[in-house]
Protein backbone atom coordinates (compact mmCIF):
# COMPACT_ATOMS: atom_id res chain seq x y z
CA MET A 1 -11.34 94.85 131.69
CA PRO A 2 -8.19 96.29 132.98
CA GLN A 3 -7.55 100.05 132.87
CA ARG A 4 -4.63 101.08 130.71
CA PRO A 5 -2.34 103.41 132.52
CA LYS A 6 -1.87 106.85 131.24
CA LEU A 7 1.05 107.84 129.07
CA THR A 8 2.43 110.31 131.65
CA ARG A 9 2.54 107.90 134.42
CA ILE A 10 4.42 105.76 131.97
CA ILE A 11 6.88 108.28 131.03
CA LEU A 12 7.37 109.30 134.46
CA ARG A 13 8.33 105.65 135.60
CA SER A 14 10.65 105.29 132.65
CA VAL A 15 12.27 108.66 133.76
CA ILE A 16 12.87 107.29 137.53
CA ILE A 17 14.24 104.08 135.98
CA ILE A 18 16.87 105.85 134.08
CA ILE A 19 17.54 108.03 137.05
CA ILE A 20 17.93 105.28 139.36
CA GLY A 21 20.00 102.96 136.74
CA SER A 22 22.35 106.28 136.01
CA THR A 23 23.01 106.69 139.65
CA VAL A 24 23.80 103.10 140.35
CA GLY A 25 26.19 103.03 137.62
CA LEU A 26 28.09 106.12 138.40
CA VAL A 27 28.44 105.08 142.20
CA TYR A 28 29.53 101.80 141.02
CA ASN A 29 32.10 103.53 138.47
CA THR A 30 33.28 105.90 141.02
CA PHE A 31 34.21 103.19 143.81
CA SER A 32 35.20 100.33 141.50
CA SER A 33 38.99 99.45 140.70
CA LYS A 34 37.60 98.93 137.30
CA GLY A 35 36.02 102.11 136.64
CA ILE A 36 36.37 104.29 133.74
CA THR A 37 37.75 107.85 133.64
CA LEU A 38 34.69 110.15 132.80
CA LYS A 39 36.72 112.93 131.89
CA GLY A 40 39.92 113.60 129.80
CA SER A 41 41.73 112.50 126.74
CA TRP A 42 40.88 108.99 125.67
CA SER A 43 42.52 109.22 122.16
CA SER A 44 45.78 107.75 123.46
CA LYS A 45 47.52 104.95 125.25
CA LEU A 46 50.20 104.46 127.44
CA THR A 47 53.47 102.40 126.30
CA SER A 48 55.18 100.22 128.87
CA ASP A 49 57.82 102.92 129.40
CA SER A 50 55.13 105.54 130.22
CA VAL A 51 55.09 107.28 126.90
CA ILE A 52 51.69 108.36 125.65
CA VAL A 53 50.71 107.53 122.14
CA PRO A 54 47.71 107.48 119.93
CA TYR A 55 45.80 104.57 119.77
CA SER A 56 46.76 104.07 116.08
CA TYR A 57 50.33 103.35 117.19
CA GLN A 58 51.20 99.71 116.62
CA LYS A 59 53.70 97.44 118.37
CA ASP A 60 55.79 97.46 114.66
CA ASP A 61 55.93 101.25 114.23
CA PRO A 62 59.16 102.95 114.98
CA PRO A 63 59.71 103.40 118.91
CA ALA A 64 58.09 106.00 120.73
CA VAL A 65 60.54 108.37 123.11
CA SER A 66 60.03 110.49 126.10
CA LEU A 67 60.97 114.35 126.74
CA ASP A 68 63.87 113.21 128.80
CA TYR A 69 65.18 110.96 125.84
CA VAL A 70 64.73 113.58 123.33
CA GLN A 71 66.24 116.17 125.61
CA MET A 72 69.58 114.08 125.98
CA LYS A 73 69.72 113.49 122.28
CA PHE A 74 69.37 117.26 121.61
CA GLN A 75 72.08 117.96 123.97
CA SER A 76 74.52 115.53 122.27
CA SER A 77 73.72 116.92 118.92
CA LYS A 78 73.99 113.48 117.36
CA VAL A 79 70.01 113.38 116.18
CA ILE A 80 68.12 114.86 113.47
CA PHE A 81 64.77 116.35 114.36
CA LEU A 82 62.01 116.38 111.88
CA ASP A 83 59.01 118.35 112.20
CA ALA A 84 56.00 116.87 110.62
CA ARG A 85 53.68 119.87 110.96
CA MET A 86 52.76 122.49 108.25
CA PRO A 87 55.22 125.05 107.18
CA VAL A 88 53.21 127.84 108.67
CA ASP A 89 53.29 126.01 112.17
CA PHE A 90 57.10 125.34 111.58
CA LYS A 91 58.19 128.93 110.81
CA ALA A 92 55.82 130.16 113.83
CA GLY A 93 58.29 127.99 116.28
CA HIS A 94 60.02 124.66 116.27
CA ILE A 95 62.67 122.79 117.95
CA LYS A 96 65.85 124.50 117.48
CA GLY A 97 67.81 123.00 114.51
CA ALA A 98 64.78 121.00 113.33
CA ILE A 99 64.17 120.37 109.69
CA ASN A 100 60.43 120.74 108.41
CA LEU A 101 59.08 117.68 106.39
CA PRO A 102 55.41 118.12 106.42
CA TYR A 103 53.92 114.79 106.38
CA GLU A 104 50.52 116.43 104.64
CA GLU A 105 52.92 117.59 101.82
CA PHE A 106 55.33 114.87 101.82
CA GLU A 107 55.53 114.46 97.85
CA GLN A 108 56.27 118.19 97.64
CA PHE A 109 58.92 118.39 100.30
CA SER A 110 60.84 115.06 100.29
CA PRO A 111 62.93 115.67 97.08
CA GLN A 112 64.31 118.55 98.96
CA VAL A 113 64.67 116.93 102.36
CA LEU A 114 65.46 113.26 102.06
CA PRO A 115 69.03 113.95 100.26
CA LYS A 116 69.87 115.58 103.51
CA LEU A 117 68.89 112.59 105.92
CA PRO A 118 71.37 109.80 105.99
CA VAL A 119 69.70 106.57 106.27
CA ASN A 120 71.66 105.38 109.27
CA GLU A 121 71.51 108.56 111.30
CA GLU A 122 68.96 108.62 114.26
CA ILE A 123 66.02 110.63 113.19
CA ILE A 124 63.18 111.97 115.58
CA ALA A 125 59.80 113.03 114.21
CA TYR A 126 57.69 114.87 116.01
CA CYS A 127 54.40 117.27 115.40
CA ASP A 128 52.09 119.13 117.86
CA GLY A 129 51.63 116.57 120.46
CA SER A 130 50.18 113.43 121.59
CA GLU A 131 46.81 114.15 119.87
CA CYS A 132 48.90 114.94 116.49
CA GLU A 133 49.49 111.52 114.39
CA ALA A 134 51.66 113.28 111.52
CA SER A 135 55.00 112.37 113.12
CA LEU A 136 53.66 108.54 113.43
CA LEU A 137 52.75 108.61 109.80
CA LEU A 138 55.87 110.52 108.47
CA SER A 139 58.01 107.99 110.51
CA ARG A 140 56.15 104.96 108.97
CA GLU A 141 57.01 106.46 105.38
CA LEU A 142 60.45 107.07 106.40
CA ARG A 143 60.58 103.37 107.81
CA ASP A 144 59.13 102.18 104.25
CA LEU A 145 62.00 104.20 102.46
CA GLY A 146 64.64 102.60 104.50
CA TYR A 147 65.54 104.74 107.25
CA ARG A 148 65.84 102.22 110.07
CA ASN A 149 66.79 104.67 113.17
CA VAL A 150 63.64 106.65 113.15
CA LYS A 151 61.94 107.47 116.72
CA ILE A 152 58.83 109.41 117.38
CA PHE A 153 58.39 112.20 119.92
CA PHE A 154 54.77 112.11 120.42
CA GLY A 155 54.88 114.70 123.07
CA GLY A 156 56.05 116.94 120.24
CA TRP A 157 56.09 120.72 120.04
CA SER A 158 53.68 121.33 122.86
CA GLU A 159 55.66 119.47 125.17
CA TRP A 160 59.08 120.72 124.18
CA GLN A 161 57.40 124.17 124.34
CA MET A 162 55.96 123.80 127.83
CA ALA A 163 59.38 122.36 129.03
CA GLY A 164 60.72 125.71 128.12
CA LEU A 165 63.49 124.26 125.85
CA LEU A 166 65.39 125.93 122.62
CA ILE A 167 63.07 126.77 120.08
CA GLU A 168 63.73 128.88 117.11
CA THR A 169 61.27 130.53 114.67
CA GLY A 170 61.41 131.10 110.74
CA GLU A 171 62.85 128.67 108.02
């Protein structure tokens, strides 16, 4: 009658197999052209024009725009900036001249803000940065209300601030 291996021997062999398998996988991932990034943000994707957008962004959503595009529009003064963040964040700092329309409180703020927004005017919605989806959700809401020239700046407040561009605080 054969003897059964001891439990400690089985556990030791299992651990060795796991270590060898993990090592082979990591080495393959490191040198493979199809390897995945092991650290960093996985919650966003890149559009064809190199703008980082959240994975929830769809092809039929309003277009995403880059910091360069937003700067150009800011300098031309032919655009309305909508800050989709909460009022406390807006008061702490926002793009100069922006209007606050927090997506999370859309029902409360829209009666005061929407009459100020011409339907055909270019509107750029933004929030905190590429991890924030409030600007995406706000732009969808505006599109559904008939605003056809809405764009989304996913770099948002974070990218604007890091670039050292004009900001203001308060209402």
